[in-house]
């Protein structure tokens, strides 16, 4: 591990210390696990919009109301 120094607002440090104490872990462990969780789950893009074939171009104004027709009827 590498040692580092971070600057925290007093209120945030206090809340972090209380959370670490409640979980019976060190402040360092709380910060490491929180940072790892934050970085692990950060998708590059919203999955709904990641496929350009699914979401492309103008959206019909009645899409929400008539979604079954758009999904299941032959519109072409």
C-alpha atoms as a PDB file:
ATOM      1  CA  UNK A   1       0.000   0.000   0.000  1.00  0.00           C
ATOM      2  CA  UNK A   2       0.981   3.600  -0.539  1.00  0.00           C
ATOM      3  CA  UNK A   3       0.507   6.229   2.139  1.00  0.00           C
ATOM      4  CA  UNK A   4      -1.389   9.353   1.115  1.00  0.00           C
ATOM      5  CA  UNK A   5      -2.844  12.431   2.745  1.00  0.00           C
ATOM      6  CA  UNK A   6      -6.298  13.784   1.970  1.00  0.00           C
ATOM      7  CA  UNK A   7      -8.028  16.950   3.096  1.00  0.00           C
ATOM      8  CA  UNK A   8     -11.569  16.467   4.450  1.00  0.00           C
ATOM      9  CA  UNK A   9     -14.062  19.007   5.715  1.00  0.00           C
ATOM     10  CA  UNK A  10     -14.437  18.619   9.485  1.00  0.00           C
ATOM     11  CA  UNK A  11     -18.070  17.487   9.256  1.00  0.00           C
ATOM     12  CA  UNK A  12     -17.265  14.826   6.654  1.00  0.00           C
ATOM     13  CA  UNK A  13     -14.340  13.522   8.691  1.00  0.00           C
ATOM     14  CA  UNK A  14     -16.542  13.315  11.771  1.00  0.00           C
ATOM     15  CA  UNK A  15     -19.248  11.398   9.878  1.00  0.00           C
ATOM     16  CA  UNK A  16     -16.633   9.044   8.417  1.00  0.00           C
ATOM     17  CA  UNK A  17     -15.116   8.403  11.844  1.00  0.00           C
ATOM     18  CA  UNK A  18     -18.558   7.641  13.269  1.00  0.00           C
ATOM     19  CA  UNK A  19     -19.357   5.273  10.388  1.00  0.00           C
ATOM     20  CA  UNK A  20     -16.021   3.486  10.799  1.00  0.00           C
ATOM     21  CA  UNK A  21     -16.584   3.146  14.541  1.00  0.00           C
ATOM     22  CA  UNK A  22     -20.100   1.767  13.992  1.00  0.00           C
ATOM     23  CA  UNK A  23     -18.707  -0.795  11.537  1.00  0.00           C
ATOM     24  CA  UNK A  24     -15.759  -1.567  13.822  1.00  0.00           C
ATOM     25  CA  UNK A  25     -13.213  -0.802  11.125  1.00  0.00           C
ATOM     26  CA  UNK A  26     -10.488   1.806  10.819  1.00  0.00           C
ATOM     27  CA  UNK A  27     -11.062   5.120   9.112  1.00  0.00           C
ATOM     28  CA  UNK A  28      -8.509   4.055   6.507  1.00  0.00           C
ATOM     29  CA  UNK A  29     -10.430   0.860   5.766  1.00  0.00           C
ATOM     30  CA  UNK A  30     -13.681   2.812   5.413  1.00  0.00           C
ATOM     31  CA  UNK A  31     -12.048   5.217   2.970  1.00  0.00           C
ATOM     32  CA  UNK A  32     -10.392   2.400   0.967  1.00  0.00           C
ATOM     33  CA  UNK A  33     -13.573   0.337   0.692  1.00  0.00           C
ATOM     34  CA  UNK A  34     -15.697   3.386  -0.151  1.00  0.00           C
ATOM     35  CA  UNK A  35     -13.284   4.494  -2.841  1.00  0.00           C
ATOM     36  CA  UNK A  36     -13.042   0.983  -4.297  1.00  0.00           C
ATOM     37  CA  UNK A  37     -16.838   0.645  -4.408  1.00  0.00           C
ATOM     38  CA  UNK A  38     -17.209   4.043  -6.044  1.00  0.00           C
ATOM     39  CA  UNK A  39     -14.633   3.291  -8.732  1.00  0.00           C
ATOM     40  CA  UNK A  40     -15.763  -0.276  -9.384  1.00  0.00           C
ATOM     41  CA  UNK A  41     -19.382   0.524 -10.140  1.00  0.00           C
ATOM     42  CA  UNK A  42     -18.857   3.599 -12.299  1.00  0.00           C
ATOM     43  CA  UNK A  43     -20.117   2.723 -15.793  1.00  0.00           C
ATOM     44  CA  UNK A  44     -18.731   4.732 -18.675  1.00  0.00           C
ATOM     45  CA  UNK A  45     -22.215   5.364 -20.039  1.00  0.00           C
ATOM     46  CA  UNK A  46     -25.772   4.732 -18.956  1.00  0.00           C
ATOM     47  CA  UNK A  47     -26.509   1.151 -20.159  1.00  0.00           C
ATOM     48  CA  UNK A  48     -29.822   2.211 -21.714  1.00  0.00           C
ATOM     49  CA  UNK A  49     -28.012   4.548 -24.078  1.00  0.00           C
ATOM     50  CA  UNK A  50     -24.856   2.494 -24.692  1.00  0.00           C
ATOM     51  CA  UNK A  51     -26.263   0.800 -27.813  1.00  0.00           C
ATOM     52  CA  UNK A  52     -26.750   3.386 -30.544  1.00  0.00           C
ATOM     53  CA  UNK A  53     -29.023   0.968 -32.429  1.00  0.00           C
ATOM     54  CA  UNK A  54     -31.475   1.016 -29.530  1.00  0.00           C
ATOM     55  CA  UNK A  55     -31.586   4.763 -28.938  1.00  0.00           C
ATOM     56  CA  UNK A  56     -31.002   6.862 -32.028  1.00  0.00           C
ATOM     57  CA  UNK A  57     -32.681   9.885 -33.523  1.00  0.00           C
ATOM     58  CA  UNK A  58     -35.981  11.539 -32.747  1.00  0.00           C
ATOM     59  CA  UNK A  59     -38.362  10.049 -30.209  1.00  0.00           C
ATOM     60  CA  UNK A  60     -42.055  10.017 -31.151  1.00  0.00           C
ATOM     61  CA  UNK A  61     -44.133  12.205 -28.843  1.00  0.00           C
ATOM     62  CA  UNK A  62     -46.651   9.380 -28.260  1.00  0.00           C
ATOM     63  CA  UNK A  63     -44.019   6.738 -27.461  1.00  0.00           C
ATOM     64  CA  UNK A  64     -44.971   6.332 -23.800  1.00  0.00           C
ATOM     65  CA  UNK A  65     -48.684   6.144 -24.553  1.00  0.00           C
ATOM     66  CA  UNK A  66     -48.390   3.845 -27.596  1.00  0.00           C
ATOM     67  CA  UNK A  67     -45.304   1.838 -26.629  1.00  0.00           C
ATOM     68  CA  UNK A  68     -46.960  -1.517 -27.419  1.00  0.00           C
ATOM     69  CA  UNK A  69     -47.665  -0.373 -30.961  1.00  0.00           C
ATOM     70  CA  UNK A  70     -44.044   0.727 -31.404  1.00  0.00           C
ATOM     71  CA  UNK A  71     -42.688  -2.499 -29.955  1.00  0.00           C
ATOM     72  CA  UNK A  72     -44.976  -5.088 -31.487  1.00  0.00           C
ATOM     73  CA  UNK A  73     -46.717  -3.652 -34.577  1.00  0.00           C
ATOM     74  CA  UNK A  74     -45.104  -3.596 -37.981  1.00  0.00           C
ATOM     75  CA  UNK A  75     -44.634   0.122 -38.570  1.00  0.00           C
ATOM     76  CA  UNK A  76     -42.785  -0.134 -41.873  1.00  0.00           C
END
